[in-house]
């Protein structure tokens, strides 16, 4: 498919690595920007680097192969430590609806798709590929979850002493407070009162 074309809904591939519910061309909720990089099979370490780079935004890099030997592909993905989504184009739909219509004559071939519209179509080592991807990723919806505020501790020493050691340790662990030197319940309780009464802590979900 050429630049500007709209990618149809495609989900008849087998996901080897990544979200098993992945669907390419699915409707994108209003207000969101979703980026998909569809790369036709080549083992390019750079793609793993890009997926890690964009881990906090809605960017999914998908490597698609026509190889039908599932076991062989699973072993290959594991051996190469790929950090991006890998699918087998079982029904050849990706090949028929994206690869061939693009006019591509060989692999590797990549398409940068933003909200189902192709913005780049060509070789993934073309400088324009990464330029287009960087610009698209800058507008992609964030997937980072906001940290959750943990409650201030309001219990008294006596009330804390009613808790089990495991529960006291959990209060500290949730807040990232080291309790290595504590062995008795009273030591845990005192550390909690010293550190968790007035200071607000957050936990990343």
N, C-alpha and C. Protein backbone atom coordinates (compact mmCIF):
# COMPACT_ATOMS: atom_id res chain seq x y z
N UNK A 1 0.85 -1.19 0.00
CA UNK A 1 0.00 0.00 0.00
C UNK A 1 0.88 1.24 0.00
N UNK A 2 0.45 2.25 -0.68
CA UNK A 2 1.25 3.46 -0.79
C UNK A 2 0.93 4.44 0.33
N UNK A 3 1.78 5.46 0.45
CA UNK A 3 1.59 6.49 1.47
C UNK A 3 0.23 7.15 1.27
N UNK A 4 -0.51 7.30 2.37
CA UNK A 4 -1.83 7.89 2.32
C UNK A 4 -2.95 6.87 2.31
N UNK A 5 -2.64 5.62 2.00
CA UNK A 5 -3.66 4.57 1.96
C UNK A 5 -4.10 4.19 3.37
N UNK A 6 -5.33 3.71 3.48
CA UNK A 6 -5.89 3.28 4.76
C UNK A 6 -5.78 1.75 4.85
N UNK A 7 -5.23 1.29 5.94
CA UNK A 7 -5.04 -0.15 6.15
C UNK A 7 -6.36 -0.78 6.61
N UNK A 8 -6.81 -1.84 5.96
CA UNK A 8 -8.04 -2.51 6.39
C UNK A 8 -7.81 -3.31 7.66
N UNK A 9 -8.89 -3.74 8.27
CA UNK A 9 -8.79 -4.54 9.49
C UNK A 9 -8.22 -5.92 9.15
N UNK A 10 -7.14 -6.28 9.83
CA UNK A 10 -6.49 -7.58 9.60
C UNK A 10 -6.15 -8.20 10.95
N UNK A 11 -6.62 -9.42 11.18
CA UNK A 11 -6.30 -10.10 12.44
C UNK A 11 -6.19 -11.62 12.29
N UNK A 12 -6.01 -12.08 11.05
CA UNK A 12 -5.95 -13.53 10.84
C UNK A 12 -4.51 -14.05 10.79
N UNK A 13 -3.65 -13.39 11.56
CA UNK A 13 -2.26 -13.84 11.67
C UNK A 13 -2.07 -14.51 13.02
N UNK A 14 -0.99 -15.24 13.16
CA UNK A 14 -0.68 -15.92 14.43
C UNK A 14 0.38 -15.12 15.17
N UNK A 15 0.06 -14.68 16.38
CA UNK A 15 1.00 -13.90 17.17
C UNK A 15 1.96 -14.85 17.89
N UNK A 16 3.24 -14.74 17.57
CA UNK A 16 4.27 -15.55 18.21
C UNK A 16 4.80 -14.86 19.46
N UNK A 17 4.94 -13.56 19.37
CA UNK A 17 5.38 -12.77 20.52
C UNK A 17 4.61 -11.46 20.52
N UNK A 18 4.06 -11.09 21.68
CA UNK A 18 3.30 -9.85 21.77
C UNK A 18 1.88 -10.10 22.21
N UNK A 19 1.04 -9.10 22.06
CA UNK A 19 -0.36 -9.17 22.48
C UNK A 19 -1.13 -10.12 21.56
N UNK A 20 -1.66 -11.23 22.11
CA UNK A 20 -2.39 -12.19 21.28
C UNK A 20 -3.66 -11.62 20.67
N UNK A 21 -4.15 -10.50 21.22
CA UNK A 21 -5.37 -9.88 20.71
C UNK A 21 -5.08 -8.80 19.67
N UNK A 22 -3.84 -8.71 19.24
CA UNK A 22 -3.44 -7.67 18.28
C UNK A 22 -4.30 -7.72 17.01
N UNK A 23 -4.79 -6.56 16.62
CA UNK A 23 -5.51 -6.41 15.36
C UNK A 23 -4.96 -5.18 14.64
N UNK A 24 -4.55 -5.35 13.41
CA UNK A 24 -4.05 -4.22 12.62
C UNK A 24 -5.22 -3.63 11.84
N UNK A 25 -5.35 -2.31 11.88
CA UNK A 25 -6.44 -1.65 11.18
C UNK A 25 -7.70 -1.50 12.00
N UNK A 26 -7.64 -1.84 13.29
CA UNK A 26 -8.82 -1.70 14.16
C UNK A 26 -9.12 -0.22 14.40
N UNK A 27 -10.40 0.13 14.60
CA UNK A 27 -10.76 1.52 14.87
C UNK A 27 -10.00 2.06 16.08
N UNK A 28 -9.54 3.29 15.99
CA UNK A 28 -8.81 3.94 17.08
C UNK A 28 -9.75 4.91 17.78
N UNK A 29 -9.90 4.81 19.11
CA UNK A 29 -10.80 5.71 19.83
C UNK A 29 -10.47 7.18 19.57
N UNK A 30 -11.49 8.00 19.55
CA UNK A 30 -11.31 9.43 19.31
C UNK A 30 -10.39 10.03 20.38
N UNK A 31 -9.49 10.86 19.94
CA UNK A 31 -8.57 11.51 20.87
C UNK A 31 -7.28 10.76 21.08
N UNK A 32 -7.18 9.53 20.55
CA UNK A 32 -5.95 8.74 20.70
C UNK A 32 -5.16 8.75 19.40
N UNK A 33 -3.87 8.59 19.53
CA UNK A 33 -3.00 8.44 18.36
C UNK A 33 -2.21 7.15 18.53
N UNK A 34 -2.47 6.21 17.63
CA UNK A 34 -1.84 4.89 17.70
C UNK A 34 -0.91 4.71 16.50
N UNK A 35 0.31 4.29 16.78
CA UNK A 35 1.30 4.08 15.72
C UNK A 35 1.64 2.59 15.64
N UNK A 36 1.60 2.06 14.43
CA UNK A 36 2.00 0.68 14.18
C UNK A 36 3.08 0.68 13.10
N UNK A 37 4.18 0.01 13.38
CA UNK A 37 5.20 -0.21 12.35
C UNK A 37 5.09 -1.66 11.93
N UNK A 38 4.73 -1.87 10.67
CA UNK A 38 4.59 -3.23 10.14
C UNK A 38 5.82 -3.51 9.28
N UNK A 39 6.64 -4.46 9.73
CA UNK A 39 7.91 -4.75 9.05
C UNK A 39 7.87 -6.18 8.53
N UNK A 40 8.12 -6.31 7.24
CA UNK A 40 8.11 -7.64 6.63
C UNK A 40 9.48 -8.25 6.69
N UNK A 41 9.52 -9.37 7.17
CA UNK A 41 10.52 -10.15 7.89
C UNK A 41 11.98 -9.87 7.59
N UNK A 42 12.62 -9.39 8.59
CA UNK A 42 14.09 -9.28 8.62
C UNK A 42 14.47 -9.14 10.08
N UNK A 43 15.58 -9.70 10.46
CA UNK A 43 16.01 -9.61 11.86
C UNK A 43 16.88 -8.38 12.02
N UNK A 44 16.23 -7.29 12.33
CA UNK A 44 16.94 -6.02 12.46
C UNK A 44 16.97 -5.62 13.94
N UNK A 45 18.12 -5.71 14.60
CA UNK A 45 18.21 -5.36 16.02
C UNK A 45 17.70 -3.95 16.29
N UNK A 46 17.83 -3.09 15.29
CA UNK A 46 17.41 -1.70 15.43
C UNK A 46 15.93 -1.60 15.79
N UNK A 47 15.11 -2.54 15.31
CA UNK A 47 13.68 -2.51 15.60
C UNK A 47 13.42 -2.77 17.07
N UNK A 48 14.20 -3.66 17.68
CA UNK A 48 14.07 -3.90 19.12
C UNK A 48 14.43 -2.64 19.89
N UNK A 49 15.46 -1.96 19.44
CA UNK A 49 15.87 -0.71 20.09
C UNK A 49 14.77 0.33 19.99
N UNK A 50 14.13 0.42 18.83
CA UNK A 50 13.05 1.39 18.66
C UNK A 50 11.86 1.06 19.55
N UNK A 51 11.51 -0.25 19.66
CA UNK A 51 10.39 -0.62 20.51
C UNK A 51 10.66 -0.24 21.96
N UNK A 52 11.88 -0.46 22.42
CA UNK A 52 12.23 -0.07 23.78
C UNK A 52 12.20 1.45 23.93
N UNK A 53 12.65 2.15 22.92
CA UNK A 53 12.68 3.61 22.95
C UNK A 53 11.27 4.18 23.13
N UNK A 54 10.30 3.55 22.49
CA UNK A 54 8.93 4.08 22.50
C UNK A 54 8.01 3.28 23.43
N UNK A 55 8.57 2.68 24.47
CA UNK A 55 7.79 1.82 25.36
C UNK A 55 6.71 2.55 26.14
N UNK A 56 6.83 3.88 26.29
CA UNK A 56 5.86 4.62 27.09
C UNK A 56 4.79 5.31 26.26
N UNK A 57 4.78 5.06 24.95
CA UNK A 57 3.74 5.63 24.09
C UNK A 57 3.14 4.52 23.24
N UNK A 58 2.00 4.81 22.61
CA UNK A 58 1.26 3.78 21.88
C UNK A 58 1.91 3.54 20.51
N UNK A 59 3.06 2.89 20.55
CA UNK A 59 3.79 2.51 19.33
C UNK A 59 4.03 1.00 19.39
N UNK A 60 3.54 0.29 18.40
CA UNK A 60 3.72 -1.16 18.33
C UNK A 60 4.48 -1.52 17.06
N UNK A 61 5.61 -2.16 17.22
CA UNK A 61 6.40 -2.60 16.08
C UNK A 61 6.13 -4.08 15.85
N UNK A 62 5.68 -4.40 14.64
CA UNK A 62 5.27 -5.77 14.31
C UNK A 62 6.13 -6.31 13.18
N UNK A 63 6.78 -7.43 13.44
CA UNK A 63 7.53 -8.13 12.40
C UNK A 63 6.67 -9.27 11.86
N UNK A 64 6.41 -9.27 10.55
CA UNK A 64 5.54 -10.29 9.95
C UNK A 64 6.36 -11.20 9.03
N UNK A 65 6.16 -12.50 9.20
CA UNK A 65 6.88 -13.47 8.36
C UNK A 65 5.90 -14.40 7.65
N UNK A 66 6.30 -14.88 6.47
CA UNK A 66 5.50 -15.86 5.73
C UNK A 66 5.88 -17.29 6.10
N UNK A 67 6.96 -17.44 6.85
CA UNK A 67 7.40 -18.77 7.29
C UNK A 67 6.27 -19.42 8.11
N UNK A 68 5.87 -20.63 7.73
CA UNK A 68 4.73 -21.28 8.36
C UNK A 68 5.09 -22.24 9.49
N UNK A 69 6.37 -22.49 9.70
CA UNK A 69 6.81 -23.41 10.76
C UNK A 69 6.84 -22.66 12.09
N UNK A 70 5.76 -22.83 12.86
CA UNK A 70 5.61 -22.09 14.12
C UNK A 70 6.75 -22.36 15.09
N UNK A 71 7.12 -23.62 15.25
CA UNK A 71 8.20 -23.97 16.18
C UNK A 71 9.51 -23.32 15.78
N UNK A 72 9.79 -23.33 14.50
CA UNK A 72 11.03 -22.74 13.99
C UNK A 72 11.07 -21.24 14.29
N UNK A 73 9.94 -20.57 14.09
CA UNK A 73 9.89 -19.12 14.33
C UNK A 73 10.01 -18.82 15.82
N UNK A 74 9.34 -19.62 16.66
CA UNK A 74 9.44 -19.38 18.11
C UNK A 74 10.89 -19.51 18.57
N UNK A 75 11.58 -20.53 18.08
CA UNK A 75 12.99 -20.71 18.45
C UNK A 75 13.84 -19.55 17.94
N UNK A 76 13.54 -19.11 16.74
CA UNK A 76 14.31 -18.02 16.12
C UNK A 76 14.13 -16.72 16.90
N UNK A 77 12.89 -16.43 17.28
CA UNK A 77 12.59 -15.21 18.04
C UNK A 77 13.30 -15.23 19.38
N UNK A 78 13.28 -16.40 20.03
CA UNK A 78 13.95 -16.54 21.32
C UNK A 78 15.46 -16.38 21.17
N UNK A 79 16.01 -16.98 20.14
CA UNK A 79 17.45 -16.93 19.91
C UNK A 79 17.92 -15.50 19.65
N UNK A 80 17.12 -14.74 18.89
CA UNK A 80 17.51 -13.38 18.52
C UNK A 80 17.10 -12.33 19.54
N UNK A 81 16.39 -12.77 20.61
CA UNK A 81 15.96 -11.86 21.69
C UNK A 81 15.22 -10.65 21.14
N UNK A 82 14.26 -10.90 20.27
CA UNK A 82 13.48 -9.81 19.69
C UNK A 82 12.58 -9.19 20.74
N UNK A 83 12.56 -7.87 20.81
CA UNK A 83 11.76 -7.16 21.80
C UNK A 83 10.54 -6.50 21.19
N UNK A 84 10.18 -6.92 19.99
CA UNK A 84 8.98 -6.37 19.36
C UNK A 84 8.04 -7.51 18.99
N UNK A 85 6.83 -7.17 18.61
CA UNK A 85 5.81 -8.16 18.28
C UNK A 85 6.19 -8.91 17.00
N UNK A 86 5.97 -10.22 17.02
CA UNK A 86 6.27 -11.06 15.86
C UNK A 86 5.04 -11.89 15.52
N UNK A 87 4.65 -11.88 14.23
CA UNK A 87 3.48 -12.64 13.80
C UNK A 87 3.82 -13.47 12.57
N UNK A 88 3.09 -14.59 12.42
CA UNK A 88 3.17 -15.39 11.20
C UNK A 88 1.95 -15.06 10.35
N UNK A 89 2.18 -14.66 9.12
CA UNK A 89 1.10 -14.28 8.20
C UNK A 89 0.47 -15.55 7.62
N UNK A 90 -0.25 -16.27 8.49
CA UNK A 90 -0.79 -17.59 8.16
C UNK A 90 -1.65 -17.57 6.89
N UNK A 91 -2.54 -16.59 6.80
CA UNK A 91 -3.47 -16.54 5.67
C UNK A 91 -2.95 -15.68 4.53
N UNK A 92 -1.71 -15.16 4.68
CA UNK A 92 -1.11 -14.31 3.65
C UNK A 92 -1.88 -13.01 3.43
N UNK A 93 -2.68 -12.62 4.43
CA UNK A 93 -3.48 -11.40 4.29
C UNK A 93 -2.62 -10.14 4.36
N UNK A 94 -1.65 -10.12 5.28
CA UNK A 94 -0.75 -8.96 5.37
C UNK A 94 0.02 -8.80 4.06
N UNK A 95 0.44 -9.93 3.51
CA UNK A 95 1.17 -9.91 2.25
C UNK A 95 0.29 -9.37 1.12
N UNK A 96 -0.96 -9.84 1.09
CA UNK A 96 -1.88 -9.48 0.00
C UNK A 96 -2.41 -8.05 0.11
N UNK A 97 -2.62 -7.58 1.35
CA UNK A 97 -3.27 -6.28 1.52
C UNK A 97 -2.33 -5.13 1.85
N UNK A 98 -1.09 -5.44 2.25
CA UNK A 98 -0.15 -4.37 2.58
C UNK A 98 1.13 -4.46 1.74
N UNK A 99 1.77 -5.63 1.77
CA UNK A 99 3.07 -5.76 1.11
C UNK A 99 2.97 -5.63 -0.42
N UNK A 100 2.18 -6.47 -1.05
CA UNK A 100 2.11 -6.46 -2.52
C UNK A 100 1.55 -5.15 -3.08
N UNK A 101 0.48 -4.59 -2.48
CA UNK A 101 -0.04 -3.32 -3.00
C UNK A 101 0.95 -2.16 -2.90
N UNK A 102 1.97 -2.30 -2.06
CA UNK A 102 2.95 -1.22 -1.90
C UNK A 102 3.92 -1.16 -3.08
N UNK A 103 3.97 -2.26 -3.83
CA UNK A 103 4.92 -2.31 -4.93
C UNK A 103 6.30 -2.77 -4.50
N UNK A 104 6.43 -3.21 -3.25
CA UNK A 104 7.73 -3.67 -2.74
C UNK A 104 8.21 -4.88 -3.53
N UNK A 105 9.50 -4.93 -3.77
CA UNK A 105 10.07 -6.03 -4.55
C UNK A 105 10.91 -6.98 -3.71
N UNK A 106 11.10 -6.65 -2.44
CA UNK A 106 11.89 -7.52 -1.58
C UNK A 106 11.80 -7.10 -0.13
N UNK A 107 12.47 -7.87 0.72
CA UNK A 107 12.49 -7.55 2.14
C UNK A 107 13.92 -7.17 2.54
N UNK A 108 14.07 -6.41 3.63
CA UNK A 108 13.02 -5.93 4.52
C UNK A 108 12.21 -4.78 3.92
N UNK A 109 10.96 -4.73 4.33
CA UNK A 109 10.05 -3.66 3.92
C UNK A 109 9.28 -3.24 5.16
N UNK A 110 9.05 -1.95 5.33
CA UNK A 110 8.32 -1.47 6.51
C UNK A 110 7.30 -0.41 6.13
N UNK A 111 6.23 -0.38 6.90
CA UNK A 111 5.21 0.66 6.76
C UNK A 111 4.99 1.28 8.13
N UNK A 112 4.97 2.60 8.19
CA UNK A 112 4.63 3.31 9.42
C UNK A 112 3.17 3.72 9.28
N UNK A 113 2.36 3.23 10.20
CA UNK A 113 0.90 3.42 10.12
C UNK A 113 0.44 4.21 11.33
N UNK A 114 -0.23 5.33 11.10
CA UNK A 114 -0.74 6.17 12.19
C UNK A 114 -2.26 6.23 12.07
N UNK A 115 -2.93 5.74 13.11
CA UNK A 115 -4.40 5.66 13.09
C UNK A 115 -4.90 5.06 11.77
N UNK A 116 -4.22 3.97 11.38
CA UNK A 116 -4.57 3.15 10.22
C UNK A 116 -4.24 3.78 8.87
N UNK A 117 -3.56 4.91 8.86
CA UNK A 117 -3.15 5.56 7.61
C UNK A 117 -1.64 5.40 7.43
N UNK A 118 -1.22 4.97 6.25
CA UNK A 118 0.21 4.76 5.99
C UNK A 118 0.91 6.10 5.75
N UNK A 119 1.93 6.38 6.57
CA UNK A 119 2.70 7.61 6.42
C UNK A 119 4.08 7.36 5.81
N UNK A 120 4.53 6.12 5.87
CA UNK A 120 5.81 5.75 5.25
C UNK A 120 5.69 4.34 4.71
N UNK A 121 6.30 4.10 3.56
CA UNK A 121 6.29 2.78 2.94
C UNK A 121 7.62 2.60 2.22
N UNK A 122 8.46 1.65 2.72
CA UNK A 122 9.76 1.47 2.09
C UNK A 122 10.71 0.67 2.94
N UNK A 123 12.00 0.84 2.72
CA UNK A 123 13.03 0.10 3.44
C UNK A 123 13.22 0.69 4.84
N UNK A 124 13.27 -0.15 5.89
CA UNK A 124 13.41 0.37 7.26
C UNK A 124 14.74 1.04 7.55
N UNK A 125 15.72 0.89 6.67
CA UNK A 125 16.99 1.58 6.87
C UNK A 125 17.03 2.93 6.14
N UNK A 126 15.99 3.24 5.41
CA UNK A 126 15.86 4.56 4.78
C UNK A 126 15.74 5.61 5.89
N UNK A 127 16.55 6.67 5.87
CA UNK A 127 16.48 7.70 6.92
C UNK A 127 15.07 8.25 7.13
N UNK A 128 14.26 8.25 6.07
CA UNK A 128 12.90 8.77 6.18
C UNK A 128 12.03 7.90 7.07
N UNK A 129 12.37 6.61 7.15
CA UNK A 129 11.62 5.70 8.01
C UNK A 129 11.68 6.17 9.46
N UNK A 130 12.88 6.33 9.98
CA UNK A 130 13.01 6.72 11.39
C UNK A 130 12.52 8.15 11.62
N UNK A 131 12.70 9.03 10.64
CA UNK A 131 12.20 10.40 10.77
C UNK A 131 10.68 10.40 10.91
N UNK A 132 10.02 9.64 10.04
CA UNK A 132 8.56 9.55 10.10
C UNK A 132 8.10 8.93 11.41
N UNK A 133 8.79 7.86 11.83
CA UNK A 133 8.43 7.19 13.08
C UNK A 133 8.61 8.11 14.27
N UNK A 134 9.72 8.83 14.33
CA UNK A 134 9.96 9.74 15.45
C UNK A 134 8.88 10.82 15.53
N UNK A 135 8.51 11.37 14.38
CA UNK A 135 7.48 12.41 14.35
C UNK A 135 6.13 11.85 14.79
N UNK A 136 5.83 10.63 14.35
CA UNK A 136 4.56 10.01 14.72
C UNK A 136 4.53 9.65 16.20
N UNK A 137 5.65 9.11 16.70
CA UNK A 137 5.73 8.71 18.11
C UNK A 137 5.60 9.91 19.04
N UNK A 138 6.07 11.07 18.59
CA UNK A 138 5.97 12.28 19.41
C UNK A 138 4.52 12.68 19.64
N UNK A 139 3.63 12.23 18.76
CA UNK A 139 2.21 12.56 18.89
C UNK A 139 1.39 11.39 19.43
N UNK A 140 2.04 10.24 19.60
CA UNK A 140 1.33 9.04 20.05
C UNK A 140 0.84 9.20 21.49
N UNK A 141 -0.27 8.55 21.77
CA UNK A 141 -0.86 8.60 23.11
C UNK A 141 0.05 7.91 24.12
N UNK A 142 0.21 8.54 25.27
CA UNK A 142 1.05 7.96 26.32
C UNK A 142 0.39 6.71 26.88
N UNK A 143 1.20 5.70 27.15
CA UNK A 143 0.71 4.48 27.78
C UNK A 143 1.22 4.34 29.21
N UNK A 144 1.96 5.35 29.64
CA UNK A 144 2.51 5.32 31.00
C UNK A 144 1.39 5.60 32.01
N UNK A 145 1.28 4.75 33.00
CA UNK A 145 0.26 4.95 34.03
C UNK A 145 0.79 5.91 35.09
N UNK A 146 -0.10 6.81 35.51
CA UNK A 146 0.29 7.76 36.54
C UNK A 146 0.49 7.03 37.87
N UNK A 147 1.51 7.42 38.64
CA UNK A 147 1.72 6.79 39.95
C UNK A 147 0.55 7.07 40.89
N UNK A 148 0.27 6.11 41.72
CA UNK A 148 -0.85 6.22 42.67
C UNK A 148 -0.31 6.67 44.03
N UNK A 149 -0.97 7.69 44.59
CA UNK A 149 -0.56 8.20 45.90
C UNK A 149 -0.93 7.19 46.99
N UNK A 150 0.03 6.82 47.80
CA UNK A 150 -0.22 5.92 48.93
C UNK A 150 -0.66 6.75 50.13
N UNK A 151 -1.57 6.21 50.93
CA UNK A 151 -2.08 6.99 52.06
C UNK A 151 -1.01 7.23 53.13
N UNK A 152 -1.11 8.38 53.77
CA UNK A 152 -0.25 8.64 54.92
C UNK A 152 -0.64 7.68 56.04
N UNK A 153 0.34 7.28 56.82
CA UNK A 153 0.07 6.37 57.93
C UNK A 153 -0.50 7.17 59.11
N UNK A 154 -1.67 6.75 59.56
CA UNK A 154 -2.33 7.46 60.67
C UNK A 154 -2.41 6.60 61.94
N UNK A 155 -2.01 5.34 61.85
CA UNK A 155 -2.08 4.47 63.02
C UNK A 155 -1.06 4.89 64.09
N UNK A 156 -1.41 4.60 65.31
CA UNK A 156 -0.48 4.81 66.42
C UNK A 156 0.48 3.63 66.49
N UNK A 157 1.48 3.77 67.33
CA UNK A 157 2.44 2.68 67.53
C UNK A 157 1.70 1.42 67.99
N UNK A 158 0.77 1.61 68.92
CA UNK A 158 0.04 0.47 69.46
C UNK A 158 -0.78 -0.22 68.37
N UNK A 159 -1.38 0.57 67.50
CA UNK A 159 -2.19 0.00 66.42
C UNK A 159 -1.31 -0.74 65.41
N UNK A 160 -0.16 -0.19 65.11
CA UNK A 160 0.76 -0.87 64.20
C UNK A 160 1.23 -2.19 64.77
N UNK A 161 1.39 -2.23 66.08
CA UNK A 161 1.87 -3.45 66.73
C UNK A 161 0.84 -4.58 66.65
N UNK A 162 -0.40 -4.24 66.28
CA UNK A 162 -1.43 -5.27 66.13
C UNK A 162 -1.32 -5.98 64.78
N UNK A 163 -0.54 -5.40 63.87
CA UNK A 163 -0.37 -5.98 62.54
C UNK A 163 0.71 -7.07 62.56
N UNK A 164 0.65 -7.94 61.59
CA UNK A 164 1.67 -8.98 61.47
C UNK A 164 2.95 -8.38 60.89
N UNK A 165 4.11 -8.98 61.19
CA UNK A 165 5.37 -8.47 60.63
C UNK A 165 5.33 -8.34 59.11
N UNK A 166 4.68 -9.29 58.45
CA UNK A 166 4.59 -9.25 56.99
C UNK A 166 3.85 -8.00 56.52
N UNK A 167 2.80 -7.62 57.25
CA UNK A 167 2.02 -6.44 56.87
C UNK A 167 2.82 -5.16 57.10
N UNK A 168 3.58 -5.13 58.19
CA UNK A 168 4.43 -3.96 58.47
C UNK A 168 5.51 -3.82 57.39
N UNK A 169 6.10 -4.93 57.04
CA UNK A 169 7.14 -4.91 56.01
C UNK A 169 6.57 -4.45 54.67
N UNK A 170 5.33 -4.85 54.38
CA UNK A 170 4.70 -4.47 53.12
C UNK A 170 4.48 -2.96 53.04
N UNK A 171 4.11 -2.36 54.15
CA UNK A 171 3.93 -0.90 54.19
C UNK A 171 5.22 -0.20 53.76
N UNK A 172 6.33 -0.69 54.27
CA UNK A 172 7.63 -0.11 53.94
C UNK A 172 8.03 -0.43 52.50
N UNK A 173 7.82 -1.68 52.08
CA UNK A 173 8.20 -2.08 50.73
C UNK A 173 7.45 -1.28 49.67
N UNK A 174 6.15 -1.05 49.92
CA UNK A 174 5.34 -0.28 48.97
C UNK A 174 5.89 1.12 48.76
N UNK A 175 6.54 1.64 49.77
CA UNK A 175 7.05 3.01 49.72
C UNK A 175 8.54 3.06 49.40
N UNK A 176 9.10 1.90 49.13
CA UNK A 176 10.51 1.84 48.75
C UNK A 176 11.46 2.13 49.91
N UNK A 177 11.01 1.87 51.12
CA UNK A 177 11.83 2.13 52.30
C UNK A 177 12.53 0.84 52.73
N UNK A 178 13.84 0.89 52.83
CA UNK A 178 14.62 -0.29 53.21
C UNK A 178 14.42 -0.60 54.69
N UNK A 179 14.18 -1.88 54.97
CA UNK A 179 13.96 -2.30 56.36
C UNK A 179 14.94 -3.41 56.73
N UNK A 180 16.12 -3.39 56.11
CA UNK A 180 17.10 -4.46 56.31
C UNK A 180 17.49 -4.61 57.78
N UNK A 181 17.59 -3.50 58.49
CA UNK A 181 18.04 -3.57 59.88
C UNK A 181 16.95 -3.92 60.88
N UNK A 182 15.72 -4.12 60.40
CA UNK A 182 14.60 -4.41 61.31
C UNK A 182 14.39 -5.92 61.43
N UNK A 183 14.23 -6.37 62.64
CA UNK A 183 13.95 -7.79 62.87
C UNK A 183 12.76 -7.98 63.80
N UNK A 184 12.51 -7.01 64.66
CA UNK A 184 11.39 -7.09 65.61
C UNK A 184 10.24 -6.21 65.13
N UNK A 185 9.02 -6.57 65.53
CA UNK A 185 7.85 -5.80 65.13
C UNK A 185 7.97 -4.34 65.56
N UNK A 186 8.49 -4.13 66.75
CA UNK A 186 8.62 -2.77 67.25
C UNK A 186 9.54 -1.92 66.38
N UNK A 187 10.56 -2.55 65.81
CA UNK A 187 11.49 -1.81 64.94
C UNK A 187 10.81 -1.42 63.63
N UNK A 188 10.00 -2.32 63.11
CA UNK A 188 9.24 -2.00 61.90
C UNK A 188 8.27 -0.86 62.17
N UNK A 189 7.55 -0.96 63.28
CA UNK A 189 6.55 0.05 63.62
C UNK A 189 7.21 1.41 63.81
N UNK A 190 8.34 1.46 64.48
CA UNK A 190 9.03 2.72 64.71
C UNK A 190 9.51 3.33 63.40
N UNK A 191 10.04 2.49 62.50
CA UNK A 191 10.51 2.99 61.20
C UNK A 191 9.35 3.56 60.39
N UNK A 192 8.21 2.90 60.46
CA UNK A 192 7.02 3.39 59.75
C UNK A 192 6.61 4.75 60.29
N UNK A 193 6.58 4.90 61.59
CA UNK A 193 6.19 6.18 62.20
C UNK A 193 7.20 7.28 61.88
N UNK A 194 8.45 6.91 61.75
CA UNK A 194 9.49 7.90 61.45
C UNK A 194 9.46 8.36 60.00
N UNK A 195 8.97 7.51 59.12
CA UNK A 195 9.09 7.81 57.68
C UNK A 195 7.78 7.97 56.92
N UNK A 196 6.68 7.47 57.45
CA UNK A 196 5.45 7.39 56.64
C UNK A 196 4.28 8.22 57.16
N UNK A 197 4.51 9.02 58.17
CA UNK A 197 3.41 9.79 58.75
C UNK A 197 3.22 11.12 58.03
N UNK A 198 4.31 11.79 57.70
CA UNK A 198 4.22 13.12 57.09
C UNK A 198 4.68 13.16 55.63
N UNK A 199 5.35 12.13 55.18
CA UNK A 199 5.87 12.11 53.81
C UNK A 199 4.94 11.37 52.88
N UNK A 200 4.59 12.00 51.74
CA UNK A 200 3.71 11.37 50.75
C UNK A 200 4.54 10.48 49.80
N UNK A 201 4.14 9.23 49.69
CA UNK A 201 4.81 8.30 48.78
C UNK A 201 3.86 7.91 47.65
N UNK A 202 4.46 7.51 46.52
CA UNK A 202 3.68 7.12 45.35
C UNK A 202 4.13 5.74 44.88
N UNK A 203 3.19 5.01 44.28
CA UNK A 203 3.49 3.68 43.76
C UNK A 203 3.11 3.62 42.29
N UNK A 204 4.04 3.14 41.46
CA UNK A 204 3.77 3.01 40.04
C UNK A 204 2.99 1.73 39.80
N UNK A 205 1.81 1.88 39.21
CA UNK A 205 0.97 0.69 38.95
C UNK A 205 1.55 -0.10 37.78
